[in-house]
Every structure is written in structure tokens, then in C-alpha cells.
Protein backbone atom coordinates (compact mmCIF):
# COMPACT_ATOMS: atom_id res chain seq x y z
CA MET A 1 0.01 0.02 0.01
CA LEU A 2 2.90 2.27 0.83
CA ASN A 3 4.53 1.60 -2.43
CA TYR A 4 1.33 2.51 -4.26
CA GLN A 5 1.23 5.93 -2.60
CA LEU A 6 4.85 6.66 -3.40
CA THR A 7 4.70 6.01 -7.17
CA ARG A 8 3.44 8.27 -9.80
CA PRO A 9 -0.11 7.21 -10.68
CA ARG A 10 -0.47 5.81 -14.18
CA GLU A 11 -3.69 7.18 -15.48
CA SER A 12 -5.00 6.40 -18.96
CA PHE A 13 -4.45 9.23 -21.37
CA LEU A 14 -8.13 8.84 -22.30
CA THR A 15 -9.42 9.30 -18.73
CA ARG A 16 -7.06 11.92 -17.24
CA ARG A 17 -8.96 15.04 -16.53
CA ILE A 18 -7.82 18.51 -17.66
CA ARG A 19 -7.93 21.29 -14.96
CA LEU A 20 -10.22 24.06 -16.18
CA ASP A 21 -8.70 27.37 -15.31
CA TRP A 22 -7.53 30.61 -17.11
CA LEU A 23 -4.33 28.87 -18.28
CA THR A 24 -6.29 25.99 -19.86
CA LEU A 25 -8.75 28.49 -21.48
CA SER A 26 -5.75 30.42 -22.81
CA LEU A 27 -4.32 27.28 -24.39
CA VAL A 28 -7.62 26.56 -26.15
CA ALA A 29 -7.79 30.22 -27.34
CA ILE A 30 -4.20 30.18 -28.81
CA TYR A 31 -4.97 26.91 -30.55
CA PHE A 32 -7.96 28.56 -32.29
CA ALA A 33 -5.76 31.57 -33.09
CA VAL A 34 -2.93 29.63 -34.81
CA PHE A 35 -5.11 26.99 -36.41
CA LYS A 36 -7.93 28.88 -38.06
CA LEU A 37 -11.16 27.20 -39.02
CA ALA A 38 -11.36 27.28 -42.73
CA CYS A 39 -15.00 26.15 -42.76
CA ILE A 40 -16.25 29.53 -41.57
CA PRO A 41 -16.29 32.90 -43.42
CA LYS A 42 -12.95 34.70 -43.44
CA VAL A 43 -14.47 37.64 -41.50
CA LEU A 44 -15.38 35.26 -38.74
CA GLN A 45 -12.01 33.54 -38.94
CA GLN A 46 -10.23 36.86 -38.51
CA GLY A 47 -12.63 38.01 -35.70
CA LEU A 48 -12.09 34.66 -33.83
CA LYS A 49 -8.29 34.93 -34.22
CA VAL A 50 -8.15 38.49 -32.96
CA SER A 51 -10.45 37.82 -30.01
CA CYS A 52 -8.39 34.65 -29.04
CA VAL A 53 -5.04 36.53 -29.25
CA PHE A 54 -6.41 39.44 -27.20
CA PHE A 55 -7.60 36.99 -24.56
CA VAL A 56 -4.18 35.25 -24.48
CA VAL A 57 -2.21 38.49 -24.41
CA LEU A 58 -4.41 39.83 -21.53
CA PHE A 59 -3.67 36.59 -19.58
CA LEU A 60 0.08 36.87 -20.20
CA ILE A 61 0.28 40.52 -19.27
CA THR A 62 -1.58 39.84 -15.87
CA ASN A 63 0.50 36.85 -15.07
CA LEU A 64 3.99 37.34 -16.25
CA LYS A 65 6.82 39.38 -14.88
CA GLY A 66 10.13 40.71 -16.14
CA LYS A 67 12.27 37.66 -17.15
CA ASP A 68 9.23 35.60 -17.82
CA TYR A 69 9.16 37.43 -21.25
CA LYS A 70 12.41 36.04 -22.31
CA HIS A 71 12.17 33.48 -25.07
CA PRO A 72 14.35 32.45 -28.04
CA SER A 73 11.44 33.24 -30.50
CA ILE A 74 11.70 36.91 -29.77
CA PHE A 75 14.49 37.53 -32.24
CA PHE A 76 12.57 35.84 -35.08
CA CYS A 77 9.44 37.79 -34.16
CA PHE A 78 11.48 40.94 -34.23
CA MET A 79 12.86 40.09 -37.73
CA VAL A 80 9.31 39.44 -39.00
CA VAL A 81 8.33 42.96 -38.09
CA THR A 82 11.60 44.60 -39.01
CA SER A 83 11.67 42.92 -42.49
CA SER A 84 8.22 43.97 -43.19
CA VAL A 85 8.87 47.60 -42.20
CA ALA A 86 11.97 47.59 -44.39
CA GLY A 87 10.00 46.02 -47.16
CA TYR A 88 7.35 48.74 -46.84
CA LEU A 89 9.87 51.49 -46.96
CA ALA A 90 11.38 49.91 -50.12
CA GLY A 91 7.98 49.53 -51.63
CA TYR A 92 7.77 45.75 -51.50
CA VAL A 93 4.79 45.36 -49.34
CA ASP A 94 1.92 47.68 -48.19
CA SER A 95 0.69 48.82 -44.83
CA SER A 96 -1.71 45.94 -44.51
CA ASN A 97 1.20 43.55 -44.87
CA CYS A 98 2.94 45.33 -42.07
CA THR A 99 -0.12 44.99 -39.81
CA ASP A 100 -0.34 41.30 -40.71
CA ALA A 101 3.33 40.84 -39.85
CA LEU A 102 2.87 42.51 -36.52
CA PHE A 103 -0.11 40.39 -35.70
CA TYR A 104 1.71 37.19 -36.74
CA ALA A 105 4.66 38.15 -34.58
CA ILE A 106 2.46 38.85 -31.58
CA CYS A 107 0.59 35.60 -32.01
CA LEU A 108 3.75 33.56 -32.37
CA TYR A 109 5.42 35.25 -29.35
CA ALA A 110 2.27 34.78 -27.26
CA LEU A 111 2.23 31.08 -28.17
CA ALA A 112 5.84 30.67 -27.12
CA LEU A 113 5.20 32.53 -23.83
CA LEU A 114 2.17 30.47 -22.98
CA ILE A 115 3.92 27.26 -23.51
CA SER A 116 6.77 28.41 -21.42
CA THR A 117 4.34 29.49 -18.74
CA CYS A 118 3.09 25.91 -18.67
CA GLY A 119 6.61 24.76 -18.13
CA ARG A 120 7.40 27.15 -15.24
CA ARG A 121 4.11 26.23 -13.55
CA GLY A 122 4.62 22.50 -13.81
CA ARG A 123 1.55 22.36 -16.18
CA ILE A 124 3.22 20.76 -19.15
CA ASP A 125 0.77 17.90 -19.01
CA THR A 126 -2.04 20.47 -19.33
CA PHE A 127 -0.53 21.96 -22.35
CA ILE A 128 0.01 18.55 -24.00
CA SER A 129 -3.50 17.31 -23.11
CA VAL A 130 -5.25 20.48 -24.41
CA PHE A 131 -3.29 20.42 -27.72
CA PHE A 132 -3.62 16.64 -28.08
CA TRP A 133 -7.49 16.71 -27.63
CA MET A 134 -7.88 19.87 -29.73
CA THR A 135 -5.90 18.20 -32.54
CA ALA A 136 -7.95 14.99 -32.14
CA ILE A 137 -11.08 17.09 -32.58
CA TYR A 138 -9.71 18.78 -35.68
CA CYS A 139 -8.73 15.46 -37.13
CA ILE A 140 -12.11 13.82 -36.64
CA LEU A 141 -13.97 16.85 -38.11
CA SER A 142 -11.44 17.01 -40.97
CA ILE A 143 -12.21 13.33 -41.90
CA VAL A 144 -16.01 14.29 -41.70
CA PHE A 145 -15.38 17.24 -44.14
CA ILE A 146 -13.27 15.03 -46.44
CA ALA A 147 -16.13 12.50 -46.61
CA LYS A 148 -18.61 15.31 -47.30
CA ILE A 149 -16.69 17.52 -49.67
CA GLY A 150 -14.62 14.95 -51.50
CA VAL A 151 -10.99 15.24 -52.66
CA ALA A 152 -9.13 16.87 -55.51
CA ASP A 153 -5.51 17.16 -56.56
CA GLY A 154 -4.88 20.78 -55.73
CA PRO A 155 -4.30 23.22 -52.82
CA LEU A 156 -7.55 25.20 -53.28
CA LEU A 157 -9.93 22.75 -51.78
CA TYR A 158 -10.43 23.57 -48.15
CA TYR A 159 -11.71 21.17 -45.36
CA PHE A 160 -12.56 21.85 -41.74
CA ALA A 161 -9.34 23.70 -40.82
CA GLY A 162 -7.29 24.13 -43.88
CA ASN A 163 -6.33 22.73 -47.33
CA LYS A 164 -4.87 19.18 -48.02
CA PHE A 165 -1.46 20.30 -46.51
CA SER A 166 -2.73 21.65 -43.20
CA THR A 167 -5.25 18.79 -42.89
CA SER A 168 -2.50 16.25 -43.24
CA TYR A 169 -0.18 18.06 -40.83
CA TYR A 170 -2.90 17.86 -38.13
CA PHE A 171 -2.68 14.04 -38.16
CA ILE A 172 1.12 14.23 -37.85
CA LEU A 173 0.72 16.65 -34.97
CA LEU A 174 -1.70 14.18 -33.29
CA ALA A 175 0.84 11.29 -33.55
CA CYS A 176 3.60 13.32 -32.03
CA PHE A 177 1.55 14.65 -29.21
CA ALA A 178 0.31 11.16 -28.52
CA TYR A 179 3.97 10.11 -28.06
CA ALA A 180 4.59 12.80 -25.53
CA LYS A 181 1.25 12.31 -23.65
CA LEU A 182 1.61 8.54 -23.45
CA HIS A 183 5.29 8.85 -22.38
CA ARG A 184 4.51 11.33 -19.58
CA GLY A 185 1.49 9.21 -18.47
CA GLY A 186 3.77 6.30 -17.75
CA ALA A 187 2.87 4.06 -20.64
CA SER A 188 5.44 1.39 -21.57
CA GLY A 189 7.89 2.28 -24.33
CA LYS A 190 6.43 -0.42 -26.63
CA ARG A 191 2.95 1.02 -26.34
CA VAL A 192 4.19 4.55 -26.98
CA VAL A 193 6.01 3.48 -30.09
CA LEU A 194 3.09 1.40 -31.41
CA VAL A 195 0.49 4.07 -30.86
CA THR A 196 2.61 6.75 -32.46
CA ALA A 197 3.46 4.52 -35.46
CA ALA A 198 -0.20 3.57 -35.88
CA LEU A 199 -1.29 7.32 -35.78
CA GLY A 200 1.56 7.99 -38.24
CA LEU A 201 0.05 5.39 -40.62
CA VAL A 202 -3.37 7.04 -40.16
CA ALA A 203 -1.66 10.37 -41.16
CA LEU A 204 -0.16 8.64 -44.20
CA ALA A 205 -3.54 7.27 -45.20
CA VAL A 206 -5.20 10.63 -44.93
CA ALA A 207 -2.40 12.44 -46.86
CA HIS A 208 -2.70 9.85 -49.56
CA THR A 209 -6.46 10.26 -49.72
CA VAL A 210 -6.25 14.05 -50.18
CA TYR A 211 -3.39 13.70 -52.75
CA CYS A 212 -0.75 15.21 -50.53
CA SER A 213 2.37 13.42 -51.57
CA THR A 214 4.68 15.63 -49.48
CA ALA A 215 2.65 14.70 -46.26
CA VAL A 216 2.76 11.03 -47.30
CA ALA A 217 6.59 11.17 -47.13
CA MET A 218 6.51 13.06 -43.89
CA SER A 219 4.02 10.65 -42.29
CA ALA A 220 6.28 7.71 -43.31
CA LEU A 221 9.19 9.53 -41.62
CA VAL A 222 7.05 9.84 -38.37
CA VAL A 223 6.54 5.98 -38.37
CA VAL A 224 10.31 5.39 -38.92
CA LEU A 225 11.46 7.88 -36.22
CA ALA A 226 8.97 6.40 -33.70
CA PHE A 227 11.10 3.18 -33.87
CA LEU A 228 14.43 4.91 -33.63
CA PRO A 229 16.73 3.61 -30.83
CA GLN A 230 17.73 6.06 -28.09
CA LYS A 231 21.37 6.42 -29.19
CA ALA A 232 20.12 7.66 -32.68
CA GLN A 233 17.56 9.90 -30.90
CA ARG A 234 20.29 11.53 -28.89
CA PHE A 235 22.32 12.20 -32.02
CA LEU A 236 19.49 13.71 -33.95
CA ALA A 237 18.52 15.78 -30.97
CA ARG A 238 21.85 17.77 -31.17
CA PRO A 239 21.32 21.44 -32.31
CA ALA A 240 24.22 21.18 -34.77
CA VAL A 241 22.66 18.09 -36.55
CA ILE A 242 19.27 19.74 -36.67
CA ILE A 243 20.65 22.94 -38.19
CA ALA A 244 22.88 21.01 -40.58
CA VAL A 245 19.81 19.10 -41.83
CA MET A 246 17.90 22.36 -42.30
CA VAL A 247 20.70 23.77 -44.28
CA LEU A 248 20.82 20.69 -46.42
CA THR A 249 17.23 21.10 -47.34
CA GLY A 250 18.12 24.39 -49.01
CA VAL A 251 21.42 23.40 -50.45
CA ILE A 252 19.91 20.33 -52.05
CA LEU A 253 18.12 22.50 -54.58
CA ALA A 254 21.36 23.18 -56.36
CA PHE A 255 21.68 19.44 -57.08
CA LEU A 256 18.00 18.55 -57.35
CA SER A 257 17.93 17.85 -61.02
CA GLN A 258 20.95 15.41 -60.73
CA LEU A 259 19.34 13.83 -57.68
CA LEU A 260 16.06 13.19 -59.49
CA GLN A 261 17.89 11.18 -62.10
CA VAL A 262 19.13 8.63 -59.49
CA PRO A 263 17.01 5.43 -60.15
CA LEU A 264 15.97 4.95 -56.54
CA VAL A 265 14.90 8.63 -56.11
CA LYS A 266 13.19 8.57 -59.52
CA HIS A 267 11.30 5.46 -58.50
CA LEU A 268 10.14 6.99 -55.15
CA VAL A 269 9.09 10.31 -56.72
CA VAL A 270 7.36 9.04 -59.81
CA ASP A 271 6.05 5.50 -58.92
CA VAL A 272 5.49 5.81 -55.15
CA LEU A 273 4.51 9.39 -54.65
CA GLY A 274 2.93 9.89 -58.17
CA GLU A 275 4.82 13.11 -58.97
CA ASN A 276 6.63 14.05 -62.14
CA LEU A 277 10.40 14.79 -62.31
CA THR A 278 9.66 18.53 -62.38
CA LEU A 279 8.00 18.20 -58.97
CA THR A 280 4.88 19.84 -60.36
CA GLY A 281 6.81 22.71 -61.88
CA ARG A 282 8.95 23.49 -58.89
CA ASP A 283 12.17 23.20 -60.94
CA LEU A 284 11.20 26.44 -62.76
CA ILE A 285 10.69 28.23 -59.38
CA TYR A 286 13.95 27.09 -57.99
CA ARG A 287 15.91 28.41 -60.99
CA GLY A 288 14.43 31.88 -60.42
CA LEU A 289 15.09 32.08 -56.68
CA GLN A 290 18.64 33.36 -56.88
CA ALA A 291 17.49 36.50 -58.69
CA VAL A 292 14.64 36.97 -56.18
CA ILE A 293 16.89 36.65 -53.13
CA SER A 294 19.69 38.73 -54.53
CA GLY A 295 17.27 41.64 -54.84
CA SER A 296 16.95 42.00 -51.04
CA PRO A 297 19.37 39.58 -49.35
CA VAL A 298 19.68 41.07 -45.89
CA PHE A 299 16.20 41.94 -44.75
CA GLY A 300 14.17 40.14 -47.46
CA TYR A 301 10.92 41.59 -48.92
CA GLY A 302 8.72 41.40 -45.87
CA TYR A 303 5.74 39.36 -44.69
CA GLY A 304 3.25 38.63 -47.38
CA ASN A 305 5.31 39.91 -50.31
CA ALA A 306 4.77 39.00 -53.89
CA ALA A 307 8.36 38.87 -55.02
CA VAL A 308 8.34 35.22 -56.03
CA ALA A 309 5.04 35.68 -57.96
CA ILE A 310 6.54 38.66 -59.77
CA TYR A 311 9.77 37.00 -60.77
CA VAL A 312 8.66 33.37 -61.42
CA GLY A 313 4.94 33.53 -61.53
CA TYR A 314 4.17 31.43 -58.46
CA GLY A 315 3.00 32.49 -54.94
CA ASN A 316 5.95 31.20 -52.85
CA ALA A 317 9.39 29.66 -53.06
CA GLN A 318 8.20 26.00 -52.49
CA ASN A 319 11.14 25.53 -50.14
CA SER A 320 11.20 26.74 -46.46
CA ILE A 321 14.79 27.94 -46.32
CA MET A 322 14.36 29.86 -49.55
CA GLU A 323 10.98 31.22 -48.51
CA THR A 324 12.58 32.51 -45.27
CA LEU A 325 15.27 34.20 -47.20
CA VAL A 326 12.77 35.77 -49.48
CA ASN A 327 10.53 37.01 -46.70
CA TYR A 328 13.02 37.90 -44.02
CA GLY A 329 16.39 37.83 -45.42
CA ALA A 330 19.66 36.31 -44.21
CA LEU A 331 19.05 37.96 -40.85
CA GLY A 332 15.64 36.28 -40.55
CA LEU A 333 17.14 32.87 -41.35
CA LEU A 334 19.79 33.33 -38.75
CA ALA A 335 17.12 34.21 -36.23
CA VAL A 336 15.35 30.89 -37.08
CA PHE A 337 18.71 28.95 -36.71
CA TYR A 338 19.23 30.86 -33.32
CA MET A 339 15.73 29.66 -32.13
CA VAL A 340 16.46 26.23 -33.27
CA TRP A 341 19.77 26.17 -31.35
CA ALA A 342 18.45 27.85 -28.23
CA CYS A 343 15.32 25.51 -28.00
CA THR A 344 17.29 22.29 -28.46
CA LYS A 345 20.62 22.84 -26.76
CA GLU A 346 19.58 21.71 -23.23
CA SER A 347 19.33 18.09 -22.20
CA LYS A 348 15.99 16.54 -22.96
CA THR A 349 13.47 14.29 -21.29
CA PRO A 350 12.39 11.13 -23.16
CA TRP A 351 8.87 12.30 -23.87
CA SER A 352 10.28 15.23 -25.95
CA TRP A 353 11.29 12.86 -28.67
CA GLY A 354 7.70 13.09 -29.92
CA MET A 355 8.38 16.75 -30.54
CA PHE A 356 11.60 16.03 -32.40
CA ILE A 357 9.70 13.64 -34.59
CA LEU A 358 7.39 16.55 -35.44
CA LEU A 359 10.34 18.83 -36.00
CA TYR A 360 12.09 16.43 -38.37
CA ALA A 361 8.84 15.73 -40.30
CA MET A 362 8.44 19.47 -40.90
CA ILE A 363 12.14 19.80 -41.89
CA ALA A 364 11.71 16.90 -44.31
CA GLY A 365 8.64 18.53 -45.99
CA SER A 366 10.50 21.82 -46.11
CA VAL A 367 12.41 20.68 -49.20
CA VAL A 368 9.46 21.17 -51.41
CA GLU A 369 6.89 23.00 -49.25
CA ILE A 370 6.60 25.88 -46.74
CA THR A 371 6.67 23.97 -43.39
CA TYR A 372 8.42 26.50 -41.16
CA ASN A 373 4.87 27.13 -39.84
CA TYR A 374 3.16 26.86 -36.52
CA PHE A 375 3.68 23.12 -36.49
CA PHE A 376 7.40 23.69 -36.78
CA PHE A 377 7.45 26.32 -34.06
CA ILE A 378 5.25 24.34 -31.68
CA ALA A 379 7.76 21.56 -31.86
CA LEU A 380 10.59 23.94 -31.05
CA MET A 381 8.73 25.62 -28.21
CA THR A 382 7.70 22.30 -26.54
CA ILE A 383 11.26 21.04 -26.79
CA PHE A 384 12.43 24.18 -25.06
CA VAL A 385 10.14 23.59 -22.04
CA ALA A 386 11.19 19.92 -21.83
CA ALA A 387 14.01 20.98 -19.55
CA ASP A 388 11.46 22.45 -17.16
CA GLY A 389 9.40 19.34 -17.45
CA LYS A 390 12.46 17.44 -16.37
CA ALA A 391 12.79 19.64 -13.26
CA ALA A 392 9.20 18.94 -12.54
CA ASP A 393 9.76 15.24 -12.73
CA GLY A 394 12.61 15.63 -10.37
CA ARG A 395 10.31 17.06 -7.70
CA ILE A 396 8.52 13.69 -7.67
CA GLY A 397 11.76 12.05 -6.87
CA LYS A 398 12.28 14.44 -3.98
CA CYS A 399 8.80 13.72 -2.64
CA GLN A 400 9.53 10.06 -2.82
CA GLN A 401 12.71 10.47 -0.84
CA SER A 402 10.94 12.64 1.71
CA ALA A 403 8.30 9.99 2.21
CA HIS A 404 10.84 7.31 2.75
CA ARG A 405 12.20 9.44 5.55
CA GLY A 406 8.86 9.34 7.23
CA ASN A 407 7.41 12.63 6.25
CA GLY A 408 4.45 11.04 4.50
CA PRO A 409 3.61 10.78 0.94
CA HIS A 410 3.35 14.05 -1.12
CA VAL A 411 0.77 14.34 -3.84
CA ARG A 412 1.79 16.23 -7.03
CA ARG A 413 -1.06 18.27 -8.46
């Protein structure tokens, strides 16, 4: 009986209750803010987002002090605004783009501070639970909308909360949060891996159904990374390795035409993923990017610019490294690299590997898509608070030691 009191209770991730308070409500609000409901009119989307961000900012202002506002994301957020102002002064973007840039920076920074607040307060489980269940709801409703609306091979068809790309990414997000949630809930390593891999296969099936070949590859990577041994996990969790892989996703464009002629790569692209060797015309975009980037290499063109569309006739760079350079310049890309380094440099808890899976899935997709998005940043922000989570777990050990000394069992709330 005494041993039962001293061990951490293993509750099912399906039955564990979420404490309802202002922090929990703020987590729900920020989720609605960053993952807009595409199924409602745009006016309502924007109104909901503004209201949710205002609610979260109000919570943060009334609960945070001085050093609590320190977060590695602040430099990237600063560059989003700075690049947009520079772009406005140079005539690349208009005032509405600057307003959108400011709002995006505020939203991203508020998300970072809210997740960090959960870490400081020992409420990481609340954050993981809220985001897991919100994502589960989004996924279920996305399936309903797919069944109702149907599918088409194009980015213009929108489902519950986004097009085929966003919809596929929600299922990847669900698999990765399931890993973290199960691990922190005390599930066996085998169960954690199997559930994550199973959800990864579901993500793959959904991506295939909506003709999102990029997400098919990303989902397959989720399944593979779920089975990765700890030694390999520790290697891939190193900041230098992560940044090197990110750089590679940009450098690879210089050799992409030769790479696509390799028989194995050609087979995967054409026969498995069903794409052509031009990657749906992306080769033409990549050839024109050097001219675009050289036009404003330091600060970029600003948030929401049309530089790529003007130069090459398409809306974005179709590569996350290049898109970052176009939007925010070399300084913006350095800010992203700094955020990656700062968020991943500390020692990690085992449950955070779920977020590294999400991070690598987004990096893999960044070769041919714009995946330095909220999914990417959520992975980094959660990894950043993993060190705080480790400290919280350490308090359990102290409670156990205290109980053994005769002070009675302590209950962690």
C-alpha cells in the first residue's frame, strides 16, 4: 500500500482530466488563433483569431513578470516585423502586410510565452493534453469534411481547418503529441511507439487520400522515427545536427535535377509518390530564386510579399529555407537558426522525442513546401520547455525520498 502511494499514478491518457482554469482556456484560445477554422467565413476567422489572441495577451500581461518574457523566439518575431517595415519602406509590401506581420509576430510570441508558462508552473501535462485533444477534434472533423466535400489534387480545396497540406499536418501533430502524452502518462515504451506509429500510418492514409504526396513522405518518416533507438535519438537531438539538416534542405536545390535522375529517387518520386520529375513545376521556381533573393538579401521583402510571384509567376518559393530568405532575408534565417539552437541545446526528457519527430517531419517537408509554420514552431517551443518538465519530474523523486524518511507521501497536483 505504501509503495502505491509513493509511485506516480498511471492514469490512462483517455481518462485523465484537464484542470479548467484561465491557463487552460488560454491554451484553447491560442490553438484557435494559430489553427484557423477554414470552414467558416474569413471575416469570422479573423474575428475569432483577434479575439483569441487578445484573450491570451491579456492573460500573459496579468500573469508574467520581467524575465518571464524572455524566449528564443523573440528575435525571429522581431525580424518578421523589421523585415516587413524595411519592405514597406522599399515599396515591396503595403501597410496591410505590415499590420499582418505585427499580428503574426504577436501571435507567435504569445504562443511561445504560453507554452513556457506551462513549463514554469509545472503544467506541461495540461498543455500537452489540451493540444492533443484539440488536434484530435480537428482530425475527426477533418475526416467528416473530407467525406462530405470529397478530394481533389490541388491546394484550393479547403476542409474543416485548412487545405490538404494543413489537414495532413494535423494528423502528424496528433501522432507526435500522442507520443509525448503517453510517455508522460507512464505508458510502456512499446505502447508509446506502437500508438505513435499507428497514428503515423493514419496520417499517411489521410495524406494519400487528399493527394498530398509531401505529407505522405512526412508521415512515413514519423513512423520510422518512432522506432528509432535512443542512441540515434540523442544524435538527432543535437542542435548542430538539426541545423545541418535544415541547411541541407536548402542546399539540395542546387543538385536537385541530378538527384532526381538517381534510379531509386526517381522510383520514389514517380512510382511511389505519383509526382513528375519537375516536382509539379517546382524546378522552374527554384531556378528563379537566386534572382529573387539577390534583390533584397539582408532583410528580405517582408511578410506577405509577392516577390516570387512577380519573378517566377508562383506564390511562394516552395522551399522553407528559400521562403525564409525571400521574406526575412539572411538575418531572418539566422534568427530561425538561433531559435532552433536555443530551444534544443539543453538536455531533454524522453517524452520530448515526440516533438523532435514533429520537428524532423516538418524539416523533411521543407524541401518542397513551406513547413516553417506553426507546427514547426510548436515542436521547438515544446522542446524548449522539456528541460522544465525534467525539473518537475525531479520534484516527484524528492517527494518520494521525503516519504521514505517518514514525512508521509506527497501528492503532485
